[in-house]
Amino acid sequence: AHLVDKVTPDMKLFRDESFGPVVGIARARDEAHAIELANDTEYGLSSAVFTRDTARGLKVARQIQAGICHVNASTVSDEPQMPFGGMKASGYGRFGGKAGIDAFTELRWITFETEPRHYPI
């Protein structure tokens, strides 16, 4: 595993979606800049916000453009009943829970008559 500090938006590590054992740390001036950095990508699979103030964490999480945002938990968290999937160029839709059923099925209505039906003319 690798930890790379002081990653900037002009670096490949900042721009590319990586699933390898690497973590890049981008330094933010303040909360607004942190949200700007988090959203400055074409990807948006999963994100995490760590804070002592959970209400503030929720406020930040709502502003991050990712399909998943965990407050005080790792980005690699999955619950089978929850819709897993990304935004932007990440993922290919949602799976898990009702979202999975919706993604892999089509709602249809099929009827049949057992007796001839009367149509008024």
C-alpha atoms as a PDB file:
ATOM      1  CA  ALA A   1       0.000   0.000   0.000  1.00  0.00           C
ATOM      2  CA  HIS A   2       1.098   3.548  -0.704  1.00  0.00           C
ATOM      3  CA  LEU A   3       0.203   6.885   0.865  1.00  0.00           C
ATOM      4  CA  VAL A   4       1.048   9.977  -1.193  1.00  0.00           C
ATOM      5  CA  ASP A   5       0.785  13.347   0.550  1.00  0.00           C
ATOM      6  CA  LYS A   6       0.331  16.813  -0.991  1.00  0.00           C
ATOM      7  CA  VAL A   7      -1.374  15.543  -4.152  1.00  0.00           C
ATOM      8  CA  THR A   8      -2.481  18.428  -6.395  1.00  0.00           C
ATOM      9  CA  PRO A   9      -5.144  18.591  -9.141  1.00  0.00           C
ATOM     10  CA  ASP A  10      -2.476  18.626 -11.870  1.00  0.00           C
ATOM     11  CA  MET A  11      -1.186  15.167 -10.838  1.00  0.00           C
ATOM     12  CA  LYS A  12      -2.309  11.933 -12.526  1.00  0.00           C
ATOM     13  CA  LEU A  13      -3.003  10.408  -9.104  1.00  0.00           C
ATOM     14  CA  PHE A  14      -5.556  13.173  -8.432  1.00  0.00           C
ATOM     15  CA  ARG A  15      -7.301  12.772 -11.806  1.00  0.00           C
ATOM     16  CA  ASP A  16      -7.415   8.980 -12.341  1.00  0.00           C
ATOM     17  CA  GLU A  17      -9.769   6.595 -10.572  1.00  0.00           C
ATOM     18  CA  SER A  18      -7.602   4.009  -8.835  1.00  0.00           C
ATOM     19  CA  PHE A  19      -8.636   0.757  -7.205  1.00  0.00           C
ATOM     20  CA  GLY A  20      -5.075  -0.148  -6.259  1.00  0.00           C
ATOM     21  CA  PRO A  21      -3.565   0.048  -2.807  1.00  0.00           C
ATOM     22  CA  VAL A  22      -2.858   3.790  -2.977  1.00  0.00           C
ATOM     23  CA  VAL A  23      -4.222   6.816  -1.138  1.00  0.00           C
ATOM     24  CA  GLY A  24      -3.603  10.373  -2.255  1.00  0.00           C
ATOM     25  CA  ILE A  25      -3.944  13.237   0.206  1.00  0.00           C
ATOM     26  CA  ALA A  26      -4.874  16.623  -1.236  1.00  0.00           C
ATOM     27  CA  ARG A  27      -4.583  19.503   1.227  1.00  0.00           C
ATOM     28  CA  ALA A  28      -7.554  21.890   1.404  1.00  0.00           C
ATOM     29  CA  ARG A  29      -7.541  25.474   2.689  1.00  0.00           C
ATOM     30  CA  ASP A  30     -10.990  25.154   4.236  1.00  0.00           C
ATOM     31  CA  GLU A  31     -14.257  23.213   4.044  1.00  0.00           C
ATOM     32  CA  ALA A  32     -15.431  24.883   0.823  1.00  0.00           C
ATOM     33  CA  HIS A  33     -12.091  24.140  -0.852  1.00  0.00           C
ATOM     34  CA  ALA A  34     -12.261  20.510   0.334  1.00  0.00           C
ATOM     35  CA  ILE A  35     -15.688  20.124  -1.312  1.00  0.00           C
ATOM     36  CA  GLU A  36     -14.357  21.780  -4.476  1.00  0.00           C
ATOM     37  CA  LEU A  37     -11.397  19.358  -4.567  1.00  0.00           C
ATOM     38  CA  ALA A  38     -13.669  16.357  -3.948  1.00  0.00           C
ATOM     39  CA  ASN A  39     -15.918  17.343  -6.862  1.00  0.00           C
ATOM     40  CA  ASP A  40     -13.097  18.306  -9.257  1.00  0.00           C
ATOM     41  CA  THR A  41     -13.070  14.940 -11.007  1.00  0.00           C
ATOM     42  CA  GLU A  42     -14.933  13.126 -13.750  1.00  0.00           C
ATOM     43  CA  TYR A  43     -15.503  10.236 -11.336  1.00  0.00           C
ATOM     44  CA  GLY A  44     -17.825   9.839  -8.374  1.00  0.00           C
ATOM     45  CA  LEU A  45     -18.124   6.294  -7.069  1.00  0.00           C
ATOM     46  CA  SER A  46     -17.589   6.558  -3.323  1.00  0.00           C
ATOM     47  CA  SER A  47     -16.387   9.169  -0.857  1.00  0.00           C
ATOM     48  CA  ALA A  48     -15.852   9.640   2.856  1.00  0.00           C
ATOM     49  CA  VAL A  49     -15.947  12.558   5.272  1.00  0.00           C
ATOM     50  CA  PHE A  50     -14.267  12.326   8.662  1.00  0.00           C
ATOM     51  CA  THR A  51     -15.311  14.792  11.362  1.00  0.00           C
ATOM     52  CA  ARG A  52     -16.074  15.120  15.061  1.00  0.00           C
ATOM     53  CA  ASP A  53     -19.247  17.066  14.150  1.00  0.00           C
ATOM     54  CA  THR A  54     -21.628  14.611  12.446  1.00  0.00           C
ATOM     55  CA  ALA A  55     -24.162  17.324  11.515  1.00  0.00           C
ATOM     56  CA  ARG A  56     -21.392  19.197   9.711  1.00  0.00           C
ATOM     57  CA  GLY A  57     -20.278  15.916   8.120  1.00  0.00           C
ATOM     58  CA  LEU A  58     -23.790  15.375   6.757  1.00  0.00           C
ATOM     59  CA  LYS A  59     -23.822  18.929   5.374  1.00  0.00           C
ATOM     60  CA  VAL A  60     -20.532  18.276   3.559  1.00  0.00           C
ATOM     61  CA  ALA A  61     -21.616  14.796   2.391  1.00  0.00           C
ATOM     62  CA  ARG A  62     -24.683  16.282   0.694  1.00  0.00           C
ATOM     63  CA  GLN A  63     -22.428  18.542  -1.385  1.00  0.00           C
ATOM     64  CA  ILE A  64     -20.058  15.831  -2.617  1.00  0.00           C
ATOM     65  CA  GLN A  65     -20.901  14.548  -6.099  1.00  0.00           C
ATOM     66  CA  ALA A  66     -20.504  10.826  -5.464  1.00  0.00           C
ATOM     67  CA  GLY A  67     -22.961   7.955  -5.537  1.00  0.00           C
ATOM     68  CA  ILE A  68     -21.970   7.051  -1.984  1.00  0.00           C
ATOM     69  CA  CYS A  69     -20.663   9.182   0.862  1.00  0.00           C
ATOM     70  CA  HIS A  70     -19.842   7.680   4.249  1.00  0.00           C
ATOM     71  CA  VAL A  71     -19.433   9.946   7.276  1.00  0.00           C
ATOM     72  CA  ASN A  72     -16.728   8.670   9.644  1.00  0.00           C
ATOM     73  CA  ALA A  73     -16.363   5.409   7.723  1.00  0.00           C
ATOM     74  CA  SER A  74     -14.230   4.027   4.926  1.00  0.00           C
ATOM     75  CA  THR A  75     -15.170   4.473   1.269  1.00  0.00           C
ATOM     76  CA  VAL A  76     -15.136   0.675   1.017  1.00  0.00           C
ATOM     77  CA  SER A  77     -18.354  -0.107   2.845  1.00  0.00           C
ATOM     78  CA  ASP A  78     -21.198  -2.076   1.319  1.00  0.00           C
ATOM     79  CA  GLU A  79     -24.583  -3.186   2.585  1.00  0.00           C
ATOM     80  CA  PRO A  80     -26.562  -5.609   0.386  1.00  0.00           C
ATOM     81  CA  GLN A  81     -29.859  -3.781   0.912  1.00  0.00           C
ATOM     82  CA  MET A  82     -28.431  -0.391  -0.120  1.00  0.00           C
ATOM     83  CA  PRO A  83     -28.067   0.946  -3.676  1.00  0.00           C
ATOM     84  CA  PHE A  84     -24.365   0.778  -4.603  1.00  0.00           C
ATOM     85  CA  GLY A  85     -23.162   2.802  -7.568  1.00  0.00           C
ATOM     86  CA  GLY A  86     -21.438   5.938  -8.681  1.00  0.00           C
ATOM     87  CA  MET A  87     -22.088   9.254 -10.343  1.00  0.00           C
ATOM     88  CA  LYS A  88     -20.400  10.885 -13.312  1.00  0.00           C
ATOM     89  CA  ALA A  89     -18.061   8.404 -15.106  1.00  0.00           C
ATOM     90  CA  SER A  90     -17.969   5.909 -12.215  1.00  0.00           C
ATOM     91  CA  GLY A  91     -19.878   2.685 -12.243  1.00  0.00           C
ATOM     92  CA  TYR A  92     -22.637   1.526 -14.538  1.00  0.00           C
ATOM     93  CA  GLY A  93     -25.755   2.252 -12.549  1.00  0.00           C
ATOM     94  CA  ARG A  94     -26.987   1.036  -9.192  1.00  0.00           C
ATOM     95  CA  PHE A  95     -27.135  -2.443  -7.781  1.00  0.00           C
ATOM     96  CA  GLY A  96     -28.232  -3.790  -4.422  1.00  0.00           C
ATOM     97  CA  GLY A  97     -31.607  -3.507  -2.735  1.00  0.00           C
ATOM     98  CA  LYS A  98     -34.577  -2.094  -4.650  1.00  0.00           C
ATOM     99  CA  ALA A  99     -32.188  -0.297  -7.025  1.00  0.00           C
ATOM    100  CA  GLY A 100     -30.781  -3.670  -8.084  1.00  0.00           C
ATOM    101  CA  ILE A 101     -34.217  -5.063  -8.769  1.00  0.00           C
ATOM    102  CA  ASP A 102     -35.102  -1.932 -10.760  1.00  0.00           C
ATOM    103  CA  ALA A 103     -31.836  -2.058 -12.735  1.00  0.00           C
ATOM    104  CA  PHE A 104     -32.176  -5.685 -13.782  1.00  0.00           C
ATOM    105  CA  THR A 105     -35.916  -5.982 -14.346  1.00  0.00           C
ATOM    106  CA  GLU A 106     -38.583  -4.321 -16.437  1.00  0.00           C
ATOM    107  CA  LEU A 107     -41.985  -3.597 -14.996  1.00  0.00           C
ATOM    108  CA  ARG A 108     -44.679  -5.035 -17.259  1.00  0.00           C
ATOM    109  CA  TRP A 109     -48.414  -5.498 -17.159  1.00  0.00           C
ATOM    110  CA  ILE A 110     -49.802  -8.626 -18.795  1.00  0.00           C
ATOM    111  CA  THR A 111     -53.466  -9.632 -18.766  1.00  0.00           C
ATOM    112  CA  PHE A 112     -55.451 -12.427 -20.305  1.00  0.00           C
ATOM    113  CA  GLU A 113     -59.128 -13.183 -20.574  1.00  0.00           C
ATOM    114  CA  THR A 114     -60.570 -16.616 -19.929  1.00  0.00           C
ATOM    115  CA  GLU A 115     -63.968 -15.727 -21.364  1.00  0.00           C
ATOM    116  CA  PRO A 116     -64.902 -13.636 -24.422  1.00  0.00           C
ATOM    117  CA  ARG A 117     -65.186 -10.003 -23.428  1.00  0.00           C
ATOM    118  CA  HIS A 118     -68.182  -7.863 -24.356  1.00  0.00           C
ATOM    119  CA  TYR A 119     -67.273  -4.630 -26.136  1.00  0.00           C
ATOM    120  CA  PRO A 120     -70.184  -2.173 -26.550  1.00  0.00           C
ATOM    121  CA  ILE A 121     -70.702  -1.029 -30.131  1.00  0.00           C
END
